[in-house]
Amino acid sequence: SGKLRVCAHLCLSFQSERKVMMLTRLALYSELMSCTYKLNPGFLKKP
């Protein structure tokens, strides 16, 4: 059952890494959007 444990651990770490990547990408994206909005307020038109 050692292999299974290692596999599960790898799977979990991979998932958490992907989550971190997604969060980082989201943060970068929101940062970019706010920056774009500051430079060009007409870019994002609020309804």
PDB file of N, CA and C in Angstrom:
ATOM      1  N   SER A   1       0.831  -1.207   0.000  1.00  0.00           N
ATOM      2  CA  SER A   1       0.000   0.000   0.000  1.00  0.00           C
ATOM      3  C   SER A   1       0.867   1.259   0.000  1.00  0.00           C
ATOM      4  N   GLY A   2       2.178   1.069  -0.032  1.00  0.00           N
ATOM      5  CA  GLY A   2       3.089   2.211  -0.034  1.00  0.00           C
ATOM      6  C   GLY A   2       2.991   3.006  -1.323  1.00  0.00           C
ATOM      7  N   LYS A   3       2.890   2.262  -2.447  1.00  0.00           N
ATOM      8  CA  LYS A   3       2.793   2.928  -3.756  1.00  0.00           C
ATOM      9  C   LYS A   3       1.535   3.781  -3.835  1.00  0.00           C
ATOM     10  N   LEU A   4       0.440   3.213  -3.334  1.00  0.00           N
ATOM     11  CA  LEU A   4      -0.840   3.915  -3.381  1.00  0.00           C
ATOM     12  C   LEU A   4      -0.761   5.220  -2.594  1.00  0.00           C
ATOM     13  N   ARG A   5      -0.082   5.163  -1.442  1.00  0.00           N
ATOM     14  CA  ARG A   5       0.049   6.349  -0.595  1.00  0.00           C
ATOM     15  C   ARG A   5       0.840   7.429  -1.326  1.00  0.00           C
ATOM     16  N   VAL A   6       1.916   7.009  -1.967  1.00  0.00           N
ATOM     17  CA  VAL A   6       2.752   7.948  -2.718  1.00  0.00           C
ATOM     18  C   VAL A   6       1.952   8.565  -3.855  1.00  0.00           C
ATOM     19  N   CYS A   7       1.173   7.724  -4.532  1.00  0.00           N
ATOM     20  CA  CYS A   7       0.362   8.191  -5.656  1.00  0.00           C
ATOM     21  C   CYS A   7      -0.658   9.219  -5.173  1.00  0.00           C
ATOM     22  N   ALA A   8      -1.309   8.912  -4.046  1.00  0.00           N
ATOM     23  CA  ALA A   8      -2.312   9.821  -3.489  1.00  0.00           C
ATOM     24  C   ALA A   8      -1.656  11.143  -3.095  1.00  0.00           C
ATOM     25  N   HIS A   9      -0.471  11.045  -2.512  1.00  0.00           N
ATOM     26  CA  HIS A   9       0.249  12.247  -2.082  1.00  0.00           C
ATOM     27  C   HIS A   9       0.599  13.114  -3.292  1.00  0.00           C
ATOM     28  N   LEU A  10       1.086  12.468  -4.345  1.00  0.00           N
ATOM     29  CA  LEU A  10       1.448  13.189  -5.564  1.00  0.00           C
ATOM     30  C   LEU A  10       0.222  13.855  -6.169  1.00  0.00           C
ATOM     31  N   CYS A  11      -0.878  13.117  -6.165  1.00  0.00           N
ATOM     32  CA  CYS A  11      -2.119  13.627  -6.735  1.00  0.00           C
ATOM     33  C   CYS A  11      -2.576  14.859  -5.957  1.00  0.00           C
ATOM     34  N   LEU A  12      -2.524  14.764  -4.626  1.00  0.00           N
ATOM     35  CA  LEU A  12      -2.952  15.875  -3.775  1.00  0.00           C
ATOM     36  C   LEU A  12      -2.060  17.090  -3.965  1.00  0.00           C
ATOM     37  N   SER A  13      -0.750  16.857  -3.989  1.00  0.00           N
ATOM     38  CA  SER A  13       0.182  17.975  -4.138  1.00  0.00           C
ATOM     39  C   SER A  13       0.004  18.623  -5.508  1.00  0.00           C
ATOM     40  N   PHE A  14      -0.279  17.793  -6.521  1.00  0.00           N
ATOM     41  CA  PHE A  14      -0.498  18.319  -7.865  1.00  0.00           C
ATOM     42  C   PHE A  14      -1.738  19.206  -7.883  1.00  0.00           C
ATOM     43  N   GLN A  15      -2.802  18.728  -7.212  1.00  0.00           N
ATOM     44  CA  GLN A  15      -4.045  19.489  -7.164  1.00  0.00           C
ATOM     45  C   GLN A  15      -3.850  20.814  -6.445  1.00  0.00           C
ATOM     46  N   SER A  16      -3.136  20.774  -5.310  1.00  0.00           N
ATOM     47  CA  SER A  16      -2.920  22.002  -4.544  1.00  0.00           C
ATOM     48  C   SER A  16      -2.049  22.965  -5.345  1.00  0.00           C
ATOM     49  N   GLU A  17      -1.081  22.420  -6.073  1.00  0.00           N
ATOM     50  CA  GLU A  17      -0.221  23.267  -6.900  1.00  0.00           C
ATOM     51  C   GLU A  17      -1.043  23.947  -7.984  1.00  0.00           C
ATOM     52  N   ARG A  18      -1.957  23.184  -8.571  1.00  0.00           N
ATOM     53  CA  ARG A  18      -2.812  23.749  -9.615  1.00  0.00           C
ATOM     54  C   ARG A  18      -3.691  24.847  -9.038  1.00  0.00           C
ATOM     55  N   LYS A  19      -4.165  24.617  -7.795  1.00  0.00           N
ATOM     56  CA  LYS A  19      -5.011  25.606  -7.136  1.00  0.00           C
ATOM     57  C   LYS A  19      -4.235  26.900  -6.924  1.00  0.00           C
ATOM     58  N   VAL A  20      -2.996  26.753  -6.471  1.00  0.00           N
ATOM     59  CA  VAL A  20      -2.132  27.915  -6.240  1.00  0.00           C
ATOM     60  C   VAL A  20      -1.880  28.643  -7.553  1.00  0.00           C
ATOM     61  N   MET A  21      -1.639  27.868  -8.615  1.00  0.00           N
ATOM     62  CA  MET A  21      -1.401  28.458  -9.933  1.00  0.00           C
ATOM     63  C   MET A  21      -2.624  29.257 -10.376  1.00  0.00           C
ATOM     64  N   MET A  22      -3.800  28.663 -10.179  1.00  0.00           N
ATOM     65  CA  MET A  22      -5.033  29.319 -10.581  1.00  0.00           C
ATOM     66  C   MET A  22      -5.237  30.614  -9.798  1.00  0.00           C
ATOM     67  N   LEU A  23      -4.978  30.544  -8.481  1.00  0.00           N
ATOM     68  CA  LEU A  23      -5.144  31.728  -7.635  1.00  0.00           C
ATOM     69  C   LEU A  23      -4.167  32.818  -8.040  1.00  0.00           C
ATOM     70  N   THR A  24      -2.931  32.400  -8.341  1.00  0.00           N
ATOM     71  CA  THR A  24      -1.908  33.362  -8.751  1.00  0.00           C
ATOM     72  C   THR A  24      -2.305  34.018 -10.068  1.00  0.00           C
ATOM     73  N   ARG A  25      -2.795  33.191 -10.987  1.00  0.00           N
ATOM     74  CA  ARG A  25      -3.207  33.708 -12.289  1.00  0.00           C
ATOM     75  C   ARG A  25      -4.369  34.681 -12.124  1.00  0.00           C
ATOM     76  N   LEU A  26      -5.291  34.316 -11.231  1.00  0.00           N
ATOM     77  CA  LEU A  26      -6.452  35.157 -10.969  1.00  0.00           C
ATOM     78  C   LEU A  26      -6.014  36.494 -10.383  1.00  0.00           C
ATOM     79  N   ALA A  27      -5.049  36.433  -9.453  1.00  0.00           N
ATOM     80  CA  ALA A  27      -4.539  37.652  -8.821  1.00  0.00           C
ATOM     81  C   ALA A  27      -3.863  38.541  -9.861  1.00  0.00           C
ATOM     82  N   LEU A  28      -3.052  37.917 -10.721  1.00  0.00           N
ATOM     83  CA  LEU A  28      -2.360  38.667 -11.767  1.00  0.00           C
ATOM     84  C   LEU A  28      -3.365  39.294 -12.720  1.00  0.00           C
ATOM     85  N   TYR A  29      -4.411  38.535 -13.050  1.00  0.00           N
ATOM     86  CA  TYR A  29      -5.426  39.013 -13.973  1.00  0.00           C
ATOM     87  C   TYR A  29      -6.169  40.210 -13.392  1.00  0.00           C
ATOM     88  N   SER A  30      -6.564  40.100 -12.115  1.00  0.00           N
ATOM     89  CA  SER A  30      -7.287  41.203 -11.481  1.00  0.00           C
ATOM     90  C   SER A  30      -6.387  42.433 -11.363  1.00  0.00           C
ATOM     91  N   GLU A  31      -5.104  42.181 -11.102  1.00  0.00           N
ATOM     92  CA  GLU A  31      -4.125  43.273 -11.015  1.00  0.00           C
ATOM     93  C   GLU A  31      -4.044  43.984 -12.368  1.00  0.00           C
ATOM     94  N   LEU A  32      -3.977  43.184 -13.424  1.00  0.00           N
ATOM     95  CA  LEU A  32      -3.899  43.725 -14.776  1.00  0.00           C
ATOM     96  C   LEU A  32      -5.151  44.523 -15.111  1.00  0.00           C
ATOM     97  N   MET A  33      -6.307  43.974 -14.736  1.00  0.00           N
ATOM     98  CA  MET A  33      -7.563  44.640 -15.032  1.00  0.00           C
ATOM     99  C   MET A  33      -7.663  45.978 -14.312  1.00  0.00           C
ATOM    100  N   SER A  34      -7.263  45.989 -13.026  1.00  0.00           N
ATOM    101  CA  SER A  34      -7.333  47.238 -12.264  1.00  0.00           C
ATOM    102  C   SER A  34      -6.359  48.260 -12.849  1.00  0.00           C
ATOM    103  N   CYS A  35      -5.207  47.770 -13.293  1.00  0.00           N
ATOM    104  CA  CYS A  35      -4.208  48.648 -13.893  1.00  0.00           C
ATOM    105  C   CYS A  35      -4.759  49.231 -15.190  1.00  0.00           C
ATOM    106  N   THR A  36      -5.369  48.383 -16.000  1.00  0.00           N
ATOM    107  CA  THR A  36      -5.954  48.820 -17.263  1.00  0.00           C
ATOM    108  C   THR A  36      -7.071  49.819 -17.002  1.00  0.00           C
ATOM    109  N   TYR A  37      -7.839  49.535 -15.946  1.00  0.00           N
ATOM    110  CA  TYR A  37      -8.955  50.418 -15.615  1.00  0.00           C
ATOM    111  C   TYR A  37      -8.455  51.798 -15.197  1.00  0.00           C
ATOM    112  N   LYS A  38      -7.342  51.814 -14.442  1.00  0.00           N
ATOM    113  CA  LYS A  38      -6.769  53.086 -13.997  1.00  0.00           C
ATOM    114  C   LYS A  38      -6.258  53.879 -15.193  1.00  0.00           C
ATOM    115  N   LEU A  39      -5.633  53.169 -16.133  1.00  0.00           N
ATOM    116  CA  LEU A  39      -5.077  53.835 -17.307  1.00  0.00           C
ATOM    117  C   LEU A  39      -6.179  54.305 -18.239  1.00  0.00           C
ATOM    118  N   ASN A  40      -7.217  53.476 -18.373  1.00  0.00           N
ATOM    119  CA  ASN A  40      -8.288  53.776 -19.308  1.00  0.00           C
ATOM    120  C   ASN A  40      -9.643  53.442 -18.687  1.00  0.00           C
ATOM    121  N   PRO A  41     -10.225  54.368 -17.933  1.00  0.00           N
ATOM    122  CA  PRO A  41     -11.483  54.122 -17.216  1.00  0.00           C
ATOM    123  C   PRO A  41     -12.639  53.743 -18.134  1.00  0.00           C
ATOM    124  N   GLY A  42     -12.580  54.133 -19.392  1.00  0.00           N
ATOM    125  CA  GLY A  42     -13.654  53.804 -20.316  1.00  0.00           C
ATOM    126  C   GLY A  42     -13.578  52.372 -20.813  1.00  0.00           C
ATOM    127  N   PHE A  43     -12.471  51.683 -20.471  1.00  0.00           N
ATOM    128  CA  PHE A  43     -12.265  50.316 -20.950  1.00  0.00           C
ATOM    129  C   PHE A  43     -13.326  49.382 -20.391  1.00  0.00           C
ATOM    130  N   LEU A  44     -13.592  49.507 -19.087  1.00  0.00           N
ATOM    131  CA  LEU A  44     -14.626  48.677 -18.466  1.00  0.00           C
ATOM    132  C   LEU A  44     -15.838  49.542 -18.191  1.00  0.00           C
ATOM    133  N   LYS A  45     -16.881  49.309 -18.965  1.00  0.00           N
ATOM    134  CA  LYS A  45     -18.090  50.099 -18.754  1.00  0.00           C
ATOM    135  C   LYS A  45     -19.008  49.372 -17.784  1.00  0.00           C
ATOM    136  N   LYS A  46     -19.291  50.014 -16.662  1.00  0.00           N
ATOM    137  CA  LYS A  46     -20.182  49.384 -15.683  1.00  0.00           C
ATOM    138  C   LYS A  46     -21.621  49.622 -16.095  1.00  0.00           C
ATOM    139  N   PRO A  47     -22.445  48.600 -16.000  1.00  0.00           N
ATOM    140  CA  PRO A  47     -23.846  48.716 -16.406  1.00  0.00           C
ATOM    141  C   PRO A  47     -24.638  49.640 -15.469  1.00  0.00           C
TER     142      PRO A  47
END
